[in-house]
């Protein structure tokens, strides 16, 4: 199976000695996760347009303290790619089912980018199972001020993909066969510098997205407009009371993540990843690992 531990290149030395791929069926979809380490269960949720591989530089240090489960949500990496089910509630329930199948009744969660929204929904829907939560570098629908449709050029450069990705069909036709142009641009412009994410890693992500089903899923995450309503509805049921750490990049959202998350989780503290922009687990992996260990331990 492509994009499992045995199939992806450029992993940290000894990675395969600690981690292995697991696949389980949840809600009729084959879900893949990379699992290793010992201790309390820690679920890592990836960002767009990535998969579990985005956590590779952080995972070895975490595995010394936790049983790490780096998941591919449906549509990503080595997980199944159905035609639908890409709303936040379905994705979160998938992850709850994944952890049940792996034998973890209670667990901690760290999610960034799209994984931040799914992490929040997971904690809000399964309050008796998620004991601590880290959310990083994303907007929280309904609680993060969104830029207007006509934006200044510097904001356009960072946010135009939100509109493009939600288009019904033309986006897939335009990107198909040009995946390295579109997704390569995302990594070059949303990192602190154009080369912050090495080309070897960008190539792994682009290769995964050449699969038409994966490309379709990458846009379906954004087309699922009901996700925002789901976040707002869950927040209306009451705030999260578990400890939450909200992380922004120094050159990314900075304290914007904390400001959004504190509205739904009063027991929130904030942190800013030095030198990083959006891709915190890859731009500041040592800082991220130490920060997660300190918080979850």
C-alpha atoms as a PDB file:
ATOM      1  CA  UNK A   1       0.000   0.000   0.000  1.00  0.00           C
ATOM      2  CA  UNK A   2       1.534   3.374  -0.959  1.00  0.00           C
ATOM      3  CA  UNK A   3       2.380   5.996   1.659  1.00  0.00           C
ATOM      4  CA  UNK A   4       2.727   3.549   4.533  1.00  0.00           C
ATOM      5  CA  UNK A   5       5.851   3.435   6.709  1.00  0.00           C
ATOM      6  CA  UNK A   6       7.494   0.940   4.370  1.00  0.00           C
ATOM      7  CA  UNK A   7       6.634   2.889   1.227  1.00  0.00           C
ATOM      8  CA  UNK A   8       7.577   6.529   1.887  1.00  0.00           C
ATOM      9  CA  UNK A   9      11.159   7.815   1.602  1.00  0.00           C
ATOM     10  CA  UNK A  10      13.251  10.165   3.705  1.00  0.00           C
ATOM     11  CA  UNK A  11      12.107   9.114   7.173  1.00  0.00           C
ATOM     12  CA  UNK A  12      14.277   9.819  10.238  1.00  0.00           C
ATOM     13  CA  UNK A  13      16.919   7.194  10.977  1.00  0.00           C
ATOM     14  CA  UNK A  14      15.479   4.179  12.781  1.00  0.00           C
ATOM     15  CA  UNK A  15      11.889   5.308  12.199  1.00  0.00           C
ATOM     16  CA  UNK A  16      10.778   1.886  11.013  1.00  0.00           C
ATOM     17  CA  UNK A  17      12.209   0.251  14.137  1.00  0.00           C
ATOM     18  CA  UNK A  18       9.724   2.172  16.288  1.00  0.00           C
ATOM     19  CA  UNK A  19       6.739   2.730  14.014  1.00  0.00           C
ATOM     20  CA  UNK A  20       4.616   0.510  11.827  1.00  0.00           C
ATOM     21  CA  UNK A  21       1.507   0.943   9.712  1.00  0.00           C
ATOM     22  CA  UNK A  22      -1.894  -0.244  10.905  1.00  0.00           C
ATOM     23  CA  UNK A  23      -5.089  -0.329   8.888  1.00  0.00           C
ATOM     24  CA  UNK A  24      -8.571  -0.819  10.339  1.00  0.00           C
ATOM     25  CA  UNK A  25     -12.075  -0.478   8.931  1.00  0.00           C
ATOM     26  CA  UNK A  26     -14.212   2.275  10.474  1.00  0.00           C
ATOM     27  CA  UNK A  27     -17.588   3.458   9.163  1.00  0.00           C
ATOM     28  CA  UNK A  28     -17.051   1.387   6.041  1.00  0.00           C
ATOM     29  CA  UNK A  29     -13.693   3.052   5.223  1.00  0.00           C
ATOM     30  CA  UNK A  30     -10.193   1.602   5.530  1.00  0.00           C
ATOM     31  CA  UNK A  31      -8.280   3.993   7.797  1.00  0.00           C
ATOM     32  CA  UNK A  32      -4.495   3.960   8.007  1.00  0.00           C
ATOM     33  CA  UNK A  33      -2.361   5.083  10.935  1.00  0.00           C
ATOM     34  CA  UNK A  34       1.295   4.887  11.861  1.00  0.00           C
ATOM     35  CA  UNK A  35       1.667   3.609  15.408  1.00  0.00           C
ATOM     36  CA  UNK A  36       4.619   3.312  17.788  1.00  0.00           C
ATOM     37  CA  UNK A  37       6.006   4.064  21.226  1.00  0.00           C
ATOM     38  CA  UNK A  38       4.629   3.359  24.681  1.00  0.00           C
ATOM     39  CA  UNK A  39       2.643   5.225  27.303  1.00  0.00           C
ATOM     40  CA  UNK A  40      -0.644   7.157  27.142  1.00  0.00           C
ATOM     41  CA  UNK A  41      -2.257   7.254  23.708  1.00  0.00           C
ATOM     42  CA  UNK A  42      -1.644  10.405  21.648  1.00  0.00           C
ATOM     43  CA  UNK A  43      -3.526  10.892  18.372  1.00  0.00           C
ATOM     44  CA  UNK A  44      -1.873  13.171  15.788  1.00  0.00           C
ATOM     45  CA  UNK A  45      -4.112  14.690  13.109  1.00  0.00           C
ATOM     46  CA  UNK A  46      -2.533  16.009   9.885  1.00  0.00           C
ATOM     47  CA  UNK A  47      -3.086  19.162   7.895  1.00  0.00           C
ATOM     48  CA  UNK A  48      -4.020  19.833   4.274  1.00  0.00           C
ATOM     49  CA  UNK A  49      -2.633  18.935   1.746  1.00  0.00           C
ATOM     50  CA  UNK A  50      -0.652  16.374   3.726  1.00  0.00           C
ATOM     51  CA  UNK A  51      -1.086  13.095   5.560  1.00  0.00           C
ATOM     52  CA  UNK A  52       0.557  11.368   8.550  1.00  0.00           C
ATOM     53  CA  UNK A  53       4.014  12.076   7.061  1.00  0.00           C
ATOM     54  CA  UNK A  54       3.810  15.713   8.209  1.00  0.00           C
ATOM     55  CA  UNK A  55       4.438  14.524  11.799  1.00  0.00           C
ATOM     56  CA  UNK A  56       7.462  12.326  10.960  1.00  0.00           C
ATOM     57  CA  UNK A  57      10.080  14.677  12.473  1.00  0.00           C
ATOM     58  CA  UNK A  58       8.163  14.999  15.754  1.00  0.00           C
ATOM     59  CA  UNK A  59       7.087  11.389  16.230  1.00  0.00           C
ATOM     60  CA  UNK A  60      10.362   9.765  17.431  1.00  0.00           C
ATOM     61  CA  UNK A  61      10.663  12.103  20.427  1.00  0.00           C
ATOM     62  CA  UNK A  62       6.970  11.711  21.260  1.00  0.00           C
ATOM     63  CA  UNK A  63       7.238   7.915  21.125  1.00  0.00           C
ATOM     64  CA  UNK A  64       9.572   7.991  24.128  1.00  0.00           C
ATOM     65  CA  UNK A  65       6.636   9.204  26.233  1.00  0.00           C
ATOM     66  CA  UNK A  66       3.431   8.181  24.439  1.00  0.00           C
ATOM     67  CA  UNK A  67       1.835   5.553  22.253  1.00  0.00           C
ATOM     68  CA  UNK A  68       1.741   7.672  19.123  1.00  0.00           C
ATOM     69  CA  UNK A  69      -1.028   7.229  16.558  1.00  0.00           C
ATOM     70  CA  UNK A  70      -0.392   9.410  13.487  1.00  0.00           C
ATOM     71  CA  UNK A  71      -3.575   9.066  11.458  1.00  0.00           C
ATOM     72  CA  UNK A  72      -4.514   9.466   7.830  1.00  0.00           C
ATOM     73  CA  UNK A  73      -8.059  10.801   7.757  1.00  0.00           C
ATOM     74  CA  UNK A  74     -10.296   9.481   4.997  1.00  0.00           C
ATOM     75  CA  UNK A  75      -9.106  10.791   1.650  1.00  0.00           C
ATOM     76  CA  UNK A  76      -5.497  11.126   2.805  1.00  0.00           C
ATOM     77  CA  UNK A  77      -2.333   9.082   2.386  1.00  0.00           C
ATOM     78  CA  UNK A  78      -2.943   5.360   2.697  1.00  0.00           C
ATOM     79  CA  UNK A  79      -6.533   5.635   3.962  1.00  0.00           C
ATOM     80  CA  UNK A  80      -9.549   4.911   1.790  1.00  0.00           C
ATOM     81  CA  UNK A  81     -10.875   7.659  -0.448  1.00  0.00           C
ATOM     82  CA  UNK A  82     -14.664   7.432  -0.666  1.00  0.00           C
ATOM     83  CA  UNK A  83     -16.664   9.923  -2.676  1.00  0.00           C
ATOM     84  CA  UNK A  84     -18.197  11.562   0.407  1.00  0.00           C
ATOM     85  CA  UNK A  85     -18.099  11.961   4.161  1.00  0.00           C
ATOM     86  CA  UNK A  86     -15.615  14.829   4.370  1.00  0.00           C
ATOM     87  CA  UNK A  87     -17.496  16.987   6.876  1.00  0.00           C
ATOM     88  CA  UNK A  88     -15.923  17.623  10.286  1.00  0.00           C
ATOM     89  CA  UNK A  89     -18.318  15.429  12.274  1.00  0.00           C
ATOM     90  CA  UNK A  90     -17.786  12.394  10.039  1.00  0.00           C
ATOM     91  CA  UNK A  91     -14.015  12.886  10.064  1.00  0.00           C
ATOM     92  CA  UNK A  92     -13.997  13.223  13.858  1.00  0.00           C
ATOM     93  CA  UNK A  93     -16.176  10.150  14.346  1.00  0.00           C
ATOM     94  CA  UNK A  94     -13.833   8.246  12.021  1.00  0.00           C
ATOM     95  CA  UNK A  95     -10.961   9.123  14.350  1.00  0.00           C
ATOM     96  CA  UNK A  96     -12.909   8.071  17.436  1.00  0.00           C
ATOM     97  CA  UNK A  97     -13.602   4.755  15.742  1.00  0.00           C
ATOM     98  CA  UNK A  98      -9.954   4.390  14.759  1.00  0.00           C
ATOM     99  CA  UNK A  99      -8.840   4.818  18.374  1.00  0.00           C
ATOM    100  CA  UNK A 100     -11.460   2.318  19.547  1.00  0.00           C
ATOM    101  CA  UNK A 101     -10.254  -0.214  16.984  1.00  0.00           C
ATOM    102  CA  UNK A 102      -6.665   0.298  18.166  1.00  0.00           C
ATOM    103  CA  UNK A 103      -7.714  -0.326  21.774  1.00  0.00           C
ATOM    104  CA  UNK A 104      -7.646   3.220  23.191  1.00  0.00           C
ATOM    105  CA  UNK A 105     -10.738   4.264  25.133  1.00  0.00           C
ATOM    106  CA  UNK A 106      -9.197   7.553  26.270  1.00  0.00           C
ATOM    107  CA  UNK A 107      -6.506   9.545  24.529  1.00  0.00           C
ATOM    108  CA  UNK A 108      -4.959  12.949  23.945  1.00  0.00           C
ATOM    109  CA  UNK A 109      -5.106  14.755  20.595  1.00  0.00           C
ATOM    110  CA  UNK A 110      -2.895  17.145  18.643  1.00  0.00           C
ATOM    111  CA  UNK A 111      -4.218  18.497  15.356  1.00  0.00           C
ATOM    112  CA  UNK A 112      -2.967  21.219  13.058  1.00  0.00           C
ATOM    113  CA  UNK A 113      -4.397  22.950   9.996  1.00  0.00           C
ATOM    114  CA  UNK A 114      -7.432  20.865   9.012  1.00  0.00           C
ATOM    115  CA  UNK A 115      -6.604  18.556  11.899  1.00  0.00           C
ATOM    116  CA  UNK A 116      -7.282  21.485  14.241  1.00  0.00           C
ATOM    117  CA  UNK A 117     -10.960  21.676  13.276  1.00  0.00           C
ATOM    118  CA  UNK A 118     -11.327  17.892  13.371  1.00  0.00           C
ATOM    119  CA  UNK A 119      -9.512  17.772  16.722  1.00  0.00           C
ATOM    120  CA  UNK A 120     -11.901  20.299  18.232  1.00  0.00           C
ATOM    121  CA  UNK A 121     -14.972  18.460  16.908  1.00  0.00           C
ATOM    122  CA  UNK A 122     -13.558  15.142  18.157  1.00  0.00           C
ATOM    123  CA  UNK A 123     -13.073  16.571  21.666  1.00  0.00           C
ATOM    124  CA  UNK A 124     -16.492  18.249  21.641  1.00  0.00           C
ATOM    125  CA  UNK A 125     -18.361  15.118  20.511  1.00  0.00           C
ATOM    126  CA  UNK A 126     -16.411  12.642  22.627  1.00  0.00           C
ATOM    127  CA  UNK A 127     -15.844  14.633  25.810  1.00  0.00           C
ATOM    128  CA  UNK A 128     -15.387  11.555  27.971  1.00  0.00           C
ATOM    129  CA  UNK A 129     -12.546  10.243  25.805  1.00  0.00           C
ATOM    130  CA  UNK A 130     -10.274  13.213  24.981  1.00  0.00           C
ATOM    131  CA  UNK A 131      -8.299  14.305  28.059  1.00  0.00           C
ATOM    132  CA  UNK A 132      -6.072  17.039  26.588  1.00  0.00           C
ATOM    133  CA  UNK A 133      -5.995  18.846  23.266  1.00  0.00           C
ATOM    134  CA  UNK A 134      -3.461  20.769  21.171  1.00  0.00           C
ATOM    135  CA  UNK A 135      -4.752  22.856  18.253  1.00  0.00           C
ATOM    136  CA  UNK A 136      -2.393  24.594  15.838  1.00  0.00           C
ATOM    137  CA  UNK A 137      -2.273  26.931  12.841  1.00  0.00           C
ATOM    138  CA  UNK A 138      -5.806  27.013  11.490  1.00  0.00           C
ATOM    139  CA  UNK A 139      -9.002  29.002  11.568  1.00  0.00           C
ATOM    140  CA  UNK A 140     -11.917  27.805  13.663  1.00  0.00           C
ATOM    141  CA  UNK A 141     -15.108  28.356  11.634  1.00  0.00           C
ATOM    142  CA  UNK A 142     -17.494  30.701  13.370  1.00  0.00           C
ATOM    143  CA  UNK A 143     -14.862  31.957  15.806  1.00  0.00           C
ATOM    144  CA  UNK A 144     -11.984  33.173  13.628  1.00  0.00           C
ATOM    145  CA  UNK A 145     -12.625  36.439  11.744  1.00  0.00           C
ATOM    146  CA  UNK A 146     -12.520  35.591   8.053  1.00  0.00           C
ATOM    147  CA  UNK A 147     -11.066  37.983   5.455  1.00  0.00           C
ATOM    148  CA  UNK A 148     -13.478  39.543   2.945  1.00  0.00           C
ATOM    149  CA  UNK A 149     -13.770  38.163  -0.564  1.00  0.00           C
ATOM    150  CA  UNK A 150     -11.849  41.133  -1.983  1.00  0.00           C
ATOM    151  CA  UNK A 151      -8.628  41.057  -0.017  1.00  0.00           C
ATOM    152  CA  UNK A 152      -5.361  42.993  -0.105  1.00  0.00           C
ATOM    153  CA  UNK A 153      -2.743  41.273  -2.274  1.00  0.00           C
ATOM    154  CA  UNK A 154      -0.679  40.045   0.682  1.00  0.00           C
ATOM    155  CA  UNK A 155      -3.770  38.413   2.229  1.00  0.00           C
ATOM    156  CA  UNK A 156      -4.812  36.985  -1.133  1.00  0.00           C
ATOM    157  CA  UNK A 157      -1.490  35.168  -1.384  1.00  0.00           C
ATOM    158  CA  UNK A 158      -2.252  33.295   1.844  1.00  0.00           C
ATOM    159  CA  UNK A 159      -6.015  32.772   1.670  1.00  0.00           C
ATOM    160  CA  UNK A 160      -7.100  32.492  -1.974  1.00  0.00           C
ATOM    161  CA  UNK A 161      -7.128  28.702  -1.836  1.00  0.00           C
ATOM    162  CA  UNK A 162     -10.129  28.743   0.533  1.00  0.00           C
ATOM    163  CA  UNK A 163     -12.345  29.937  -2.313  1.00  0.00           C
ATOM    164  CA  UNK A 164     -10.609  27.971  -5.080  1.00  0.00           C
ATOM    165  CA  UNK A 165     -10.784  24.677  -3.179  1.00  0.00           C
ATOM    166  CA  UNK A 166     -14.553  24.965  -2.696  1.00  0.00           C
ATOM    167  CA  UNK A 167     -15.347  25.181  -6.412  1.00  0.00           C
ATOM    168  CA  UNK A 168     -17.537  22.365  -7.671  1.00  0.00           C
ATOM    169  CA  UNK A 169     -15.372  20.860 -10.414  1.00  0.00           C
ATOM    170  CA  UNK A 170     -13.144  23.261 -12.313  1.00  0.00           C
ATOM    171  CA  UNK A 171     -10.446  23.186  -9.628  1.00  0.00           C
ATOM    172  CA  UNK A 172      -9.864  19.459 -10.095  1.00  0.00           C
ATOM    173  CA  UNK A 173      -9.687  19.855 -13.875  1.00  0.00           C
ATOM    174  CA  UNK A 174      -7.213  22.721 -13.571  1.00  0.00           C
ATOM    175  CA  UNK A 175      -4.915  20.997 -11.048  1.00  0.00           C
ATOM    176  CA  UNK A 176      -5.000  17.462 -12.491  1.00  0.00           C
ATOM    177  CA  UNK A 177      -1.659  16.858 -14.192  1.00  0.00           C
ATOM    178  CA  UNK A 178      -0.280  20.056 -12.632  1.00  0.00           C
ATOM    179  CA  UNK A 179      -0.240  18.931  -9.007  1.00  0.00           C
ATOM    180  CA  UNK A 180       3.334  20.024  -8.488  1.00  0.00           C
ATOM    181  CA  UNK A 181       2.465  23.591  -9.538  1.00  0.00           C
ATOM    182  CA  UNK A 182      -0.559  24.056  -7.297  1.00  0.00           C
ATOM    183  CA  UNK A 183       0.512  22.160  -4.199  1.00  0.00           C
ATOM    184  CA  UNK A 184       4.145  23.157  -4.558  1.00  0.00           C
ATOM    185  CA  UNK A 185       2.974  26.768  -4.470  1.00  0.00           C
ATOM    186  CA  UNK A 186       1.110  26.087  -1.224  1.00  0.00           C
ATOM    187  CA  UNK A 187       4.248  24.806   0.491  1.00  0.00           C
ATOM    188  CA  UNK A 188       6.463  27.560  -0.897  1.00  0.00           C
ATOM    189  CA  UNK A 189       4.200  30.452   0.074  1.00  0.00           C
ATOM    190  CA  UNK A 190       2.806  29.310   3.429  1.00  0.00           C
ATOM    191  CA  UNK A 191       6.138  28.403   5.006  1.00  0.00           C
ATOM    192  CA  UNK A 192       8.441  30.970   6.598  1.00  0.00           C
ATOM    193  CA  UNK A 193      10.704  30.722   3.526  1.00  0.00           C
ATOM    194  CA  UNK A 194      10.266  29.030   0.128  1.00  0.00           C
ATOM    195  CA  UNK A 195      12.646  26.201   1.015  1.00  0.00           C
ATOM    196  CA  UNK A 196      11.528  25.599   4.592  1.00  0.00           C
ATOM    197  CA  UNK A 197       9.761  22.398   3.521  1.00  0.00           C
ATOM    198  CA  UNK A 198      12.430  20.420   1.621  1.00  0.00           C
ATOM    199  CA  UNK A 199      11.668  19.460  -1.945  1.00  0.00           C
ATOM    200  CA  UNK A 200      11.962  15.777  -1.016  1.00  0.00           C
ATOM    201  CA  UNK A 201       8.980  16.176   1.334  1.00  0.00           C
ATOM    202  CA  UNK A 202       6.996  18.263  -1.155  1.00  0.00           C
ATOM    203  CA  UNK A 203       7.516  15.502  -3.714  1.00  0.00           C
ATOM    204  CA  UNK A 204       6.023  12.936  -1.313  1.00  0.00           C
ATOM    205  CA  UNK A 205       2.900  15.026  -0.810  1.00  0.00           C
ATOM    206  CA  UNK A 206       2.538  15.783  -4.526  1.00  0.00           C
ATOM    207  CA  UNK A 207       2.944  12.103  -5.423  1.00  0.00           C
ATOM    208  CA  UNK A 208       0.119  11.227  -3.031  1.00  0.00           C
ATOM    209  CA  UNK A 209      -2.126  13.839  -4.648  1.00  0.00           C
ATOM    210  CA  UNK A 210      -1.573  12.576  -8.185  1.00  0.00           C
ATOM    211  CA  UNK A 211      -4.127   9.872  -7.399  1.00  0.00           C
ATOM    212  CA  UNK A 212      -7.416  11.265  -8.793  1.00  0.00           C
ATOM    213  CA  UNK A 213      -9.319  10.016  -5.742  1.00  0.00           C
ATOM    214  CA  UNK A 214      -6.884  11.794  -3.408  1.00  0.00           C
ATOM    215  CA  UNK A 215      -7.057  14.975  -5.474  1.00  0.00           C
ATOM    216  CA  UNK A 216     -10.861  14.849  -5.352  1.00  0.00           C
ATOM    217  CA  UNK A 217     -10.800  14.326  -1.582  1.00  0.00           C
ATOM    218  CA  UNK A 218      -8.398  17.230  -1.086  1.00  0.00           C
ATOM    219  CA  UNK A 219     -11.088  19.552  -2.435  1.00  0.00           C
ATOM    220  CA  UNK A 220     -13.999  17.742  -0.785  1.00  0.00           C
ATOM    221  CA  UNK A 221     -12.650  18.746   2.641  1.00  0.00           C
ATOM    222  CA  UNK A 222     -13.314  22.362   1.642  1.00  0.00           C
ATOM    223  CA  UNK A 223     -16.572  21.733  -0.211  1.00  0.00           C
ATOM    224  CA  UNK A 224     -18.112  20.304   2.966  1.00  0.00           C
ATOM    225  CA  UNK A 225     -19.587  23.645   3.962  1.00  0.00           C
ATOM    226  CA  UNK A 226     -21.606  22.029   6.750  1.00  0.00           C
ATOM    227  CA  UNK A 227     -18.400  21.661   8.791  1.00  0.00           C
ATOM    228  CA  UNK A 228     -18.562  25.284   9.927  1.00  0.00           C
ATOM    229  CA  UNK A 229     -22.156  24.882  11.083  1.00  0.00           C
ATOM    230  CA  UNK A 230     -21.151  21.719  12.940  1.00  0.00           C
ATOM    231  CA  UNK A 231     -18.425  23.575  14.830  1.00  0.00           C
ATOM    232  CA  UNK A 232     -20.820  26.353  15.832  1.00  0.00           C
ATOM    233  CA  UNK A 233     -23.499  23.863  16.929  1.00  0.00           C
ATOM    234  CA  UNK A 234     -21.063  21.906  19.092  1.00  0.00           C
ATOM    235  CA  UNK A 235     -19.780  25.093  20.696  1.00  0.00           C
ATOM    236  CA  UNK A 236     -23.374  26.016  21.558  1.00  0.00           C
ATOM    237  CA  UNK A 237     -23.670  22.781  23.554  1.00  0.00           C
ATOM    238  CA  UNK A 238     -21.091  24.130  26.007  1.00  0.00           C
ATOM    239  CA  UNK A 239     -17.389  24.900  26.269  1.00  0.00           C
ATOM    240  CA  UNK A 240     -14.632  22.335  26.431  1.00  0.00           C
ATOM    241  CA  UNK A 241     -13.270  22.013  29.945  1.00  0.00           C
ATOM    242  CA  UNK A 242     -10.170  19.939  29.182  1.00  0.00           C
ATOM    243  CA  UNK A 243      -6.784  21.686  29.044  1.00  0.00           C
ATOM    244  CA  UNK A 244      -6.103  23.053  25.557  1.00  0.00           C
ATOM    245  CA  UNK A 245      -2.892  24.427  24.062  1.00  0.00           C
ATOM    246  CA  UNK A 246      -3.350  26.713  21.033  1.00  0.00           C
ATOM    247  CA  UNK A 247      -0.268  27.145  18.825  1.00  0.00           C
ATOM    248  CA  UNK A 248       0.424  29.676  16.105  1.00  0.00           C
ATOM    249  CA  UNK A 249       3.547  30.161  14.031  1.00  0.00           C
ATOM    250  CA  UNK A 250       5.684  33.254  14.593  1.00  0.00           C
ATOM    251  CA  UNK A 251       5.266  34.060  10.897  1.00  0.00           C
ATOM    252  CA  UNK A 252       1.823  32.504  10.698  1.00  0.00           C
ATOM    253  CA  UNK A 253      -1.248  33.031  12.854  1.00  0.00           C
ATOM    254  CA  UNK A 254       0.688  33.895  16.028  1.00  0.00           C
ATOM    255  CA  UNK A 255      -1.882  34.444  18.803  1.00  0.00           C
ATOM    256  CA  UNK A 256      -4.837  34.255  16.417  1.00  0.00           C
ATOM    257  CA  UNK A 257      -5.277  30.565  17.190  1.00  0.00           C
ATOM    258  CA  UNK A 258      -5.454  31.210  20.923  1.00  0.00           C
ATOM    259  CA  UNK A 259      -7.951  34.042  20.457  1.00  0.00           C
ATOM    260  CA  UNK A 260     -10.279  31.775  18.469  1.00  0.00           C
ATOM    261  CA  UNK A 261      -9.944  28.679  20.620  1.00  0.00           C
ATOM    262  CA  UNK A 262     -10.413  30.492  23.934  1.00  0.00           C
ATOM    263  CA  UNK A 263     -13.984  31.272  22.837  1.00  0.00           C
ATOM    264  CA  UNK A 264     -14.863  27.567  22.896  1.00  0.00           C
ATOM    265  CA  UNK A 265     -12.413  26.294  25.522  1.00  0.00           C
ATOM    266  CA  UNK A 266     -11.755  28.618  28.491  1.00  0.00           C
ATOM    267  CA  UNK A 267      -8.965  26.410  29.840  1.00  0.00           C
ATOM    268  CA  UNK A 268      -6.730  27.414  26.913  1.00  0.00           C
ATOM    269  CA  UNK A 269      -3.135  28.591  26.959  1.00  0.00           C
ATOM    270  CA  UNK A 270      -1.284  29.904  23.930  1.00  0.00           C
ATOM    271  CA  UNK A 271       2.155  29.390  22.443  1.00  0.00           C
ATOM    272  CA  UNK A 272       3.973  30.735  19.393  1.00  0.00           C
ATOM    273  CA  UNK A 273       6.372  28.520  17.441  1.00  0.00           C
ATOM    274  CA  UNK A 274       9.584  30.507  16.857  1.00  0.00           C
ATOM    275  CA  UNK A 275      10.784  30.838  13.286  1.00  0.00           C
ATOM    276  CA  UNK A 276       7.827  28.926  11.858  1.00  0.00           C
ATOM    277  CA  UNK A 277       4.972  30.031   9.669  1.00  0.00           C
ATOM    278  CA  UNK A 278       2.168  27.571   8.899  1.00  0.00           C
ATOM    279  CA  UNK A 279       3.756  24.106   8.765  1.00  0.00           C
ATOM    280  CA  UNK A 280       4.772  24.001  12.424  1.00  0.00           C
ATOM    281  CA  UNK A 281       5.493  20.238  12.782  1.00  0.00           C
ATOM    282  CA  UNK A 282       7.972  20.443   9.900  1.00  0.00           C
ATOM    283  CA  UNK A 283       9.301  23.982  10.310  1.00  0.00           C
ATOM    284  CA  UNK A 284       9.902  23.741  14.080  1.00  0.00           C
ATOM    285  CA  UNK A 285       9.924  20.002  14.866  1.00  0.00           C
ATOM    286  CA  UNK A 286      12.204  20.134  17.926  1.00  0.00           C
ATOM    287  CA  UNK A 287      10.210  22.977  19.463  1.00  0.00           C
ATOM    288  CA  UNK A 288       6.956  21.194  18.646  1.00  0.00           C
ATOM    289  CA  UNK A 289       8.093  17.913  20.169  1.00  0.00           C
ATOM    290  CA  UNK A 290       9.294  19.534  23.397  1.00  0.00           C
ATOM    291  CA  UNK A 291       6.152  21.647  23.646  1.00  0.00           C
ATOM    292  CA  UNK A 292       3.829  18.678  23.181  1.00  0.00           C
ATOM    293  CA  UNK A 293       5.767  16.549  25.652  1.00  0.00           C
ATOM    294  CA  UNK A 294       5.648  19.289  28.289  1.00  0.00           C
ATOM    295  CA  UNK A 295       1.934  19.879  27.784  1.00  0.00           C
ATOM    296  CA  UNK A 296       0.707  16.305  27.528  1.00  0.00           C
ATOM    297  CA  UNK A 297       2.991  14.944  30.247  1.00  0.00           C
END
